[in-house]
Protein backbone atom coordinates (compact mmCIF):
# COMPACT_ATOMS: atom_id res chain seq x y z
CA MET A 1 18.44 211.58 108.60
CA VAL A 2 21.52 209.08 108.57
CA LYS A 3 24.11 208.41 110.99
CA ALA A 4 26.61 211.29 111.00
CA GLY A 5 29.88 210.84 109.49
CA SER A 6 31.07 208.71 106.35
CA ALA A 7 27.20 207.47 105.92
CA VAL A 8 26.02 210.99 104.89
CA ASP A 9 28.99 211.20 102.36
CA ASP A 10 28.24 207.58 101.28
CA PHE A 11 24.52 208.69 100.62
CA VAL A 12 25.17 211.91 98.88
CA ASN A 13 27.45 210.21 96.38
CA GLN A 14 24.38 207.64 95.44
CA LEU A 15 22.03 210.62 95.19
CA LEU A 16 24.49 212.81 92.82
CA PRO A 17 23.96 210.67 89.49
CA HIS A 18 20.33 211.14 89.64
CA LEU A 19 20.52 215.11 90.45
CA THR A 20 20.85 218.14 88.21
CA ALA A 21 21.76 221.62 89.00
CA GLY A 22 19.27 223.56 91.50
CA ASP A 23 18.41 220.18 93.26
CA ILE A 24 18.47 220.37 97.20
CA ILE A 25 19.99 217.69 99.47
CA ILE A 26 18.69 217.73 103.30
CA ASP A 27 20.64 216.48 105.92
CA GLY A 28 18.41 216.22 108.93
CA GLY A 29 20.65 214.12 110.98
CA ASN A 30 23.41 215.29 113.59
CA SER A 31 26.39 215.93 111.34
CA LEU A 32 29.26 217.68 112.51
CA TYR A 33 29.02 221.32 111.39
CA THR A 34 32.66 221.26 109.92
CA ASP A 35 31.31 218.19 107.60
CA THR A 36 28.29 220.44 106.52
CA GLU A 37 30.71 223.30 105.73
CA ARG A 38 32.67 220.94 103.38
CA ARG A 39 29.55 219.25 101.78
CA VAL A 40 28.18 222.79 101.42
CA LYS A 41 31.16 224.04 99.19
CA THR A 42 31.49 220.56 97.62
CA LEU A 43 28.19 220.30 96.16
CA SER A 44 27.70 224.10 95.21
CA ALA A 45 30.62 223.65 93.15
CA GLN A 46 28.27 221.23 91.14
CA GLY A 47 25.41 223.17 91.16
CA VAL A 48 23.48 221.39 93.90
CA HIS A 49 22.20 223.05 97.31
CA PHE A 50 23.02 221.44 100.43
CA VAL A 51 21.15 222.03 103.35
CA GLY A 52 22.41 221.02 107.26
CA CYS A 53 19.11 221.06 108.82
CA GLY A 54 19.22 220.32 112.76
CA VAL A 55 16.15 218.83 114.12
CA SER A 56 14.83 218.24 117.63
CA GLY A 57 11.97 216.87 119.22
CA GLY A 58 12.44 213.19 119.72
CA GLU A 59 9.12 210.88 119.49
CA GLU A 60 6.77 213.80 120.14
CA GLY A 61 8.44 216.00 117.92
CA ALA A 62 7.93 213.57 114.94
CA ARG A 63 4.20 213.01 115.71
CA TYR A 64 3.21 217.18 116.51
CA GLY A 65 6.17 219.07 114.90
CA PRO A 66 10.12 219.23 115.84
CA SER A 67 12.32 222.25 116.04
CA MET A 68 13.79 222.81 113.05
CA MET A 69 17.62 224.88 112.53
CA PRO A 70 18.17 224.61 109.00
CA GLY A 71 21.40 226.37 107.53
CA GLY A 72 23.89 225.87 104.19
CA SER A 73 23.20 226.91 100.66
CA PRO A 74 20.88 230.36 100.79
CA GLY A 75 19.66 229.57 97.34
CA ALA A 76 17.74 226.60 99.03
CA TRP A 77 15.71 228.50 101.73
CA PRO A 78 13.08 230.10 99.38
CA HIS A 79 12.07 226.67 98.29
CA LEU A 80 11.77 224.94 101.82
CA ARG A 81 10.61 227.97 103.73
CA GLU A 82 7.07 227.29 103.64
CA MET A 83 7.37 223.18 103.63
CA LEU A 84 9.61 223.40 106.91
CA GLN A 85 7.83 226.07 108.78
CA ALA A 86 4.50 224.17 107.97
CA VAL A 87 5.60 221.04 109.84
CA SER A 88 7.62 222.34 112.69
CA ALA A 89 6.64 222.91 116.14
CA LYS A 90 4.80 226.42 116.93
CA ALA A 91 5.40 228.48 119.87
CA ASP A 92 2.81 231.22 120.52
CA GLY A 93 1.76 230.89 116.84
CA VAL A 94 5.26 231.38 115.52
CA PRO A 95 7.17 228.43 113.73
CA CYS A 96 10.28 227.08 115.66
CA CYS A 97 12.11 227.00 112.12
CA ASP A 98 14.13 229.70 110.85
CA TRP A 99 17.08 230.10 108.47
CA VAL A 100 20.07 229.92 110.48
CA GLY A 101 22.97 230.93 108.19
CA GLU A 102 25.21 229.72 105.74
CA GLY A 103 27.83 226.53 105.69
CA GLY A 104 27.46 224.36 108.89
CA ALA A 105 25.39 227.11 111.04
CA GLY A 106 22.46 224.91 110.81
CA HIS A 107 24.30 221.95 112.32
CA PHE A 108 26.24 224.15 114.90
CA VAL A 109 23.19 225.56 116.36
CA LYS A 110 21.78 222.07 116.97
CA MET A 111 25.10 221.11 118.22
CA VAL A 112 25.09 223.70 120.85
CA HIS A 113 21.26 222.87 121.39
CA ASN A 114 22.48 219.17 122.20
CA GLY A 115 25.33 220.51 124.23
CA ILE A 116 22.92 222.64 126.39
CA GLU A 117 20.82 219.49 126.78
CA TYR A 118 23.52 217.51 128.28
CA GLY A 119 23.83 220.26 130.94
CA ASP A 120 20.13 220.65 131.68
CA MET A 121 20.05 216.92 132.21
CA GLN A 122 22.64 216.82 134.33
CA LEU A 123 21.62 219.70 136.54
CA ILE A 124 18.53 217.71 136.97
CA CYS A 125 20.15 214.39 137.72
CA GLU A 126 22.24 216.21 140.57
CA ALA A 127 18.83 217.99 141.99
CA PHE A 128 17.76 214.22 141.95
CA HIS A 129 20.61 212.88 143.46
CA LEU A 130 20.43 215.63 146.25
CA MET A 131 16.67 214.71 146.88
CA HIS A 132 17.30 211.16 146.98
CA ASP A 133 20.60 210.70 148.79
CA GLY A 134 20.72 214.04 150.68
CA LEU A 135 17.06 214.27 151.57
CA GLY A 136 15.94 210.74 151.63
CA LEU A 137 12.77 211.53 149.77
CA GLY A 138 10.89 208.80 148.07
CA TYR A 139 10.03 208.45 144.08
CA GLU A 140 6.58 209.69 144.60
CA GLU A 141 7.46 212.69 146.88
CA MET A 142 10.45 213.75 144.12
CA SER A 143 7.97 213.44 141.49
CA ALA A 144 5.88 215.91 143.04
CA VAL A 145 8.53 218.28 143.75
CA PHE A 146 9.51 218.27 139.92
CA GLY A 147 5.91 218.54 139.08
CA GLU A 148 5.55 221.75 141.34
CA TRP A 149 8.96 223.46 139.83
CA ASN A 150 7.35 222.80 136.31
CA LYS A 151 5.02 225.27 137.24
CA SER A 152 7.79 227.87 138.07
CA GLU A 153 10.31 229.48 136.23
CA LEU A 154 11.68 225.97 135.93
CA GLU A 155 9.05 224.92 133.56
CA SER A 156 10.36 223.01 131.09
CA PHE A 157 9.87 219.39 128.82
CA LEU A 158 12.93 217.96 130.67
CA ILE A 159 11.65 218.83 134.28
CA GLN A 160 8.06 217.40 133.12
CA ILE A 161 9.63 214.04 131.98
CA THR A 162 11.54 213.68 135.03
CA SER A 163 8.23 213.94 137.20
CA ASP A 164 6.73 211.25 135.18
CA ILE A 165 9.82 209.23 134.85
CA LEU A 166 10.22 209.18 138.84
CA LYS A 167 6.61 207.87 139.38
CA PHE A 168 6.76 205.51 136.65
CA GLN A 169 6.40 201.68 138.12
CA GLN A 170 6.81 198.36 136.22
CA ASP A 171 5.87 195.06 138.11
CA GLY A 172 5.39 196.94 141.17
CA HIS A 173 8.92 198.57 141.12
CA TYR A 174 10.11 202.13 140.32
CA LEU A 175 11.60 201.45 137.01
CA VAL A 176 14.13 204.38 137.36
CA ASP A 177 15.71 202.78 140.53
CA ARG A 178 16.18 199.63 138.37
CA ILE A 179 18.26 201.27 135.61
CA ARG A 180 21.96 200.48 135.62
CA ASP A 181 23.65 203.89 136.37
CA ALA A 182 25.83 204.19 133.59
CA ALA A 183 25.05 206.94 130.71
CA GLY A 184 25.86 206.89 126.84
CA GLN A 185 26.37 209.50 124.59
CA LYS A 186 26.30 209.86 120.80
CA GLY A 187 29.03 212.65 120.54
CA THR A 188 27.16 215.98 119.89
CA GLY A 189 28.15 216.94 123.74
CA LYS A 190 31.75 216.45 122.75
CA TRP A 191 31.54 218.19 119.90
CA THR A 192 30.35 221.25 121.65
CA VAL A 193 33.30 221.03 124.06
CA GLU A 194 35.85 220.56 121.24
CA ALA A 195 34.28 223.89 119.53
CA SER A 196 34.50 226.01 122.78
CA LEU A 197 38.06 224.74 123.11
CA ASP A 198 39.11 225.81 119.52
CA MET A 199 37.14 229.22 120.00
CA GLY A 200 38.27 229.73 123.59
CA ILE A 201 35.08 230.00 124.90
CA PRO A 202 34.66 228.68 128.63
CA VAL A 203 31.55 226.35 128.28
CA THR A 204 32.50 224.84 131.56
CA LEU A 205 29.00 223.19 132.41
CA VAL A 206 28.57 221.35 129.30
CA SER A 207 32.30 219.91 130.03
CA GLU A 208 31.11 218.90 132.92
CA ALA A 209 27.96 217.02 131.96
CA VAL A 210 30.08 215.17 129.40
CA PHE A 211 32.76 214.14 131.72
CA ALA A 212 29.89 213.15 134.18
CA ARG A 213 28.68 210.66 131.47
CA SER A 214 32.20 209.54 131.10
CA LEU A 215 32.38 208.61 135.00
CA SER A 216 29.35 206.93 135.27
CA ALA A 217 30.26 204.96 132.36
CA LEU A 218 33.22 203.44 134.96
CA LYS A 219 30.60 201.41 136.55
CA GLU A 220 32.67 198.47 137.78
CA GLU A 221 35.46 200.60 138.94
CA ARG A 222 33.09 202.99 140.85
CA LEU A 223 31.76 199.78 142.71
CA ARG A 224 35.14 198.85 143.83
CA ALA A 225 36.22 202.42 144.73
CA SER A 226 33.12 202.63 146.60
CA LYS A 227 34.49 200.15 148.95
CA ILE A 228 37.81 201.38 149.10
CA LEU A 229 37.53 205.22 149.36
CA VAL A 230 36.30 207.05 152.57
CA GLY A 231 33.85 210.11 152.67
CA PRO A 232 32.33 212.13 155.26
CA LYS A 233 30.25 210.41 157.66
CA THR A 234 27.46 212.63 157.73
CA ALA A 235 24.41 210.59 155.76
CA GLY A 236 22.40 213.50 154.83
CA PHE A 237 21.18 217.06 154.97
CA THR A 238 20.75 218.35 158.46
CA LYS A 239 18.75 221.24 157.14
CA ASP A 240 14.81 221.30 157.02
CA LYS A 241 13.77 219.45 153.98
CA THR A 242 11.53 222.30 152.68
CA GLU A 243 14.02 224.73 153.19
CA ILE A 244 16.45 222.69 151.28
CA LEU A 245 14.11 222.18 148.46
CA GLU A 246 13.67 225.72 148.07
CA HIS A 247 17.09 226.52 147.94
CA LEU A 248 17.69 223.47 145.53
CA LYS A 249 15.18 225.16 143.06
CA LYS A 250 16.97 228.45 143.23
CA ALA A 251 20.53 226.78 142.91
CA LEU A 252 19.07 224.57 139.81
CA TYR A 253 17.43 227.76 138.05
CA GLY A 254 20.91 229.98 138.74
CA ALA A 255 23.01 226.96 136.97
CA LYS A 256 20.54 226.85 134.22
CA ILE A 257 21.27 230.70 133.43
CA ILE A 258 24.60 230.15 133.27
CA SER A 259 24.51 227.25 130.78
CA TYR A 260 22.58 229.20 128.37
CA ALA A 261 24.53 232.17 128.79
CA GLN A 262 27.85 229.87 127.78
CA GLY A 263 25.90 228.50 124.81
CA PHE A 264 25.03 232.12 123.28
CA MET A 265 28.60 233.21 124.27
CA LEU A 266 29.72 230.34 121.55
CA PHE A 267 27.22 231.12 119.33
CA SER A 268 28.30 235.00 119.51
CA GLU A 269 32.22 233.94 118.77
CA ALA A 270 31.24 231.57 116.08
CA SER A 271 29.00 233.79 114.31
CA LYS A 272 32.29 236.47 114.12
CA THR A 273 34.71 233.39 113.16
CA PHE A 274 32.39 232.14 110.22
CA ASN A 275 30.40 235.21 109.38
CA TRP A 276 27.10 233.70 109.96
CA ASN A 277 25.21 236.80 111.83
CA LEU A 278 23.41 234.21 113.80
CA ASN A 279 19.92 235.76 115.20
CA MET A 280 20.22 234.92 118.87
CA GLY A 281 16.70 236.01 119.52
CA ALA A 282 15.51 233.63 116.67
CA ILE A 283 17.38 230.74 117.96
CA ALA A 284 15.74 231.15 121.30
CA THR A 285 12.57 231.17 119.52
CA MET A 286 13.32 227.83 117.36
CA TRP A 287 13.88 226.15 120.67
CA LYS A 288 11.03 227.35 122.53
CA GLY A 289 8.59 224.56 121.17
CA GLY A 290 9.06 221.13 119.77
CA CYS A 291 12.34 220.45 120.85
CA ILE A 292 14.16 218.87 124.00
CA ILE A 293 14.95 221.93 125.83
CA LYS A 294 11.82 223.74 125.35
CA SER A 295 11.08 225.94 127.93
CA ALA A 296 9.43 228.92 129.36
CA PHE A 297 12.81 230.28 130.05
CA LEU A 298 13.87 230.61 126.34
CA GLY A 299 10.76 233.08 126.09
CA ASP A 300 13.13 235.34 128.74
CA ILE A 301 15.92 234.75 126.25
CA ARG A 302 14.10 236.10 123.52
CA LYS A 303 13.05 239.26 125.37
CA ALA A 304 16.43 239.95 126.37
CA PHE A 305 17.52 239.99 122.51
CA ASP A 306 14.65 241.85 121.67
CA ARG A 307 15.78 244.45 124.13
CA ASN A 308 18.96 244.92 122.97
CA PRO A 309 19.88 242.85 119.64
CA ASN A 310 23.55 243.47 120.25
CA LEU A 311 23.53 241.98 123.81
CA GLU A 312 27.36 241.00 124.58
CA ASN A 313 26.31 238.42 127.44
CA LEU A 314 23.13 237.28 128.53
CA LEU A 315 24.52 237.85 131.82
CA PHE A 316 24.36 241.69 131.23
CA ASP A 317 20.51 241.97 130.59
CA SER A 318 18.71 243.02 133.87
CA PHE A 319 16.33 240.22 134.00
CA PHE A 320 19.17 237.54 134.74
CA THR A 321 21.09 239.95 136.41
CA GLN A 322 18.58 239.95 138.96
CA ALA A 323 17.64 236.47 138.80
CA LEU A 324 21.37 235.54 139.86
CA ALA A 325 21.43 238.07 142.43
CA GLN A 326 18.41 236.22 144.07
CA ALA A 327 19.57 232.40 143.19
CA HIS A 328 23.33 232.59 144.21
CA PRO A 329 22.90 232.88 148.27
CA SER A 330 20.89 229.47 147.93
CA TRP A 331 23.46 228.38 145.34
CA ARG A 332 26.10 228.52 147.74
CA LEU A 333 24.39 226.78 150.57
CA ILE A 334 23.54 224.15 148.30
CA LEU A 335 27.00 223.52 147.14
CA SER A 336 28.30 223.59 150.76
CA GLU A 337 26.04 221.09 152.18
CA SER A 338 26.39 218.72 149.07
CA ILE A 339 30.39 218.91 149.88
CA LEU A 340 29.90 218.33 153.47
CA ILE A 341 27.82 215.08 152.88
CA GLY A 342 30.07 214.04 150.13
CA LEU A 343 27.41 214.22 146.89
CA PRO A 344 29.17 214.89 143.49
CA VAL A 345 27.58 218.13 142.08
CA PRO A 346 30.06 218.95 139.43
CA ALA A 347 27.73 220.81 136.98
CA LEU A 348 26.21 223.01 139.78
CA SER A 349 29.71 223.55 140.71
CA SER A 350 31.30 224.36 137.38
CA ALA A 351 28.64 226.91 137.01
CA LEU A 352 28.77 228.69 140.14
CA ALA A 353 32.86 228.71 139.60
CA PHE A 354 32.03 230.38 136.25
CA TYR A 355 29.71 233.01 137.56
CA ASP A 356 32.36 234.01 140.28
CA GLY A 357 35.06 233.87 137.79
CA TYR A 358 32.97 236.00 135.34
CA ARG A 359 32.25 238.60 137.97
CA CYS A 360 35.94 238.60 139.39
CA GLU A 361 37.83 242.03 138.34
CA ARG A 362 41.14 240.51 139.02
CA LEU A 363 41.86 236.79 138.47
CA PRO A 364 45.31 235.02 139.55
CA ALA A 365 46.27 234.54 135.55
CA ASN A 366 48.77 237.27 136.58
CA LEU A 367 50.83 234.66 138.45
CA LEU A 368 50.03 232.12 135.93
CA GLN A 369 51.56 234.47 133.19
CA ALA A 370 54.65 235.16 135.50
CA GLN A 371 54.93 231.33 135.97
CA ARG A 372 54.84 230.55 132.08
CA ASP A 373 57.62 233.45 131.44
CA TYR A 374 59.79 231.91 134.07
CA PHE A 375 60.15 228.44 132.86
CA GLY A 376 59.15 228.85 129.43
CA ALA A 377 59.99 232.81 128.10
CA HIS A 378 56.32 233.02 127.14
CA THR A 379 56.06 236.97 127.64
CA PHE A 380 53.69 238.58 129.40
CA GLU A 381 51.75 242.34 129.36
CA LEU A 382 51.82 244.71 131.94
CA LEU A 383 48.47 246.82 133.40
CA ASP A 384 49.74 249.76 132.05
CA ASN A 385 50.99 248.74 129.02
CA PRO A 386 48.50 246.20 127.21
CA GLY A 387 49.59 244.85 123.84
CA VAL A 388 53.09 244.94 124.71
CA TYR A 389 54.83 241.79 125.64
CA LYS A 390 57.75 241.44 127.77
CA HIS A 391 60.35 238.69 129.14
CA VAL A 392 62.22 239.12 132.31
CA ASN A 393 65.26 237.23 133.56
CA TRP A 394 63.83 235.97 136.60
CA THR A 395 66.70 233.93 137.98
CA GLY A 396 69.64 236.32 136.67
CA GLN A 397 71.01 233.11 134.83
CA GLY A 398 68.62 233.14 131.97
CA GLY A 399 68.96 234.73 128.81
CA THR A 400 66.95 237.48 126.68
CA THR A 401 65.45 235.26 124.03
CA SER A 402 61.31 234.77 124.32
CA SER A 403 58.87 232.77 123.11
CA THR A 404 56.84 234.14 119.82
CA ASN A 405 53.13 234.74 120.89
CA TYR A 406 50.18 232.79 119.27
CA GLN A 407 46.81 231.42 120.11
CA ALA A 408 46.88 227.45 120.27
């Protein structure tokens, strides 16, 4: 478990002179999955098994068992299975550890886990911001709200620790109020976004969560901007506090569903791209205990894939379809109110935009394609003749030459 990048290669090179055919190296750090793919191929040529094993759980996982996501050389798994499953966390008696797939599959699943973690944390932070600045709640009051939410469909490790954090005091002050609002990151969220761009999957919520951290890091600029840039004069929510909190709870749940749906869309595409045959239900089980995003909600995801192992998208499962139908009116109200009082909600907003875009039968990309063809002869397809690309001389002054088609 060393830092991702060259440190892993350096360590492997130190080990190699002492290894013989059939030996196994396990990388339990947060390596980029493409690096793991390369190491698996390189070492297999030397007869050495390489396993990229995603590990999540932090301090609690270290003490009581983490979630583990091994992948790489399949010949290693029979030797490791009993040991890794014995030390992993258990959810309803089932080990939160199973073989993910060949090559970089294990580290890919851990990368997406971390991306979803970014999204979950940002959503919770936005809810906290709305409670604190929009409703004017105190820290004990907010802690109690998150504590109650942890007894609902939002039950999760991150909701639980948020409740603990908000009421924690040091030297007579609430500690979180004294922490500088500039977030750090180690790269796995960014890698998730880069992978989603490479594969053409709109993992928009994680993207906004990554950029929210980047924006928070501009602390000195934000201090100057706060004294220059003008926003709404309304100080906070005008609706009843209890009503707003109930709407906020539903909005948070709806956005969480979208975040996980996008993550599993990325899994589906990666599984096809790399021939990994990822087991979606098993991934949900691996995350149900031990890891940072463990939650009761993951059991609902497992049930969705149990009902239909070939489920195209989580949003097509009746449980999640109904949950979003109930959540979206509250979600819209929260976003409207937040915009009116000038509080930023990038993750909540992007999640609803995705939901509305995904359920939209016809998007304005027809105009976009016409624009691309007008200025760059990039061609377009007609509704009644898909698969056939055309170019039009829009001005009467252009030519007939068109661009070739390719996915960049």
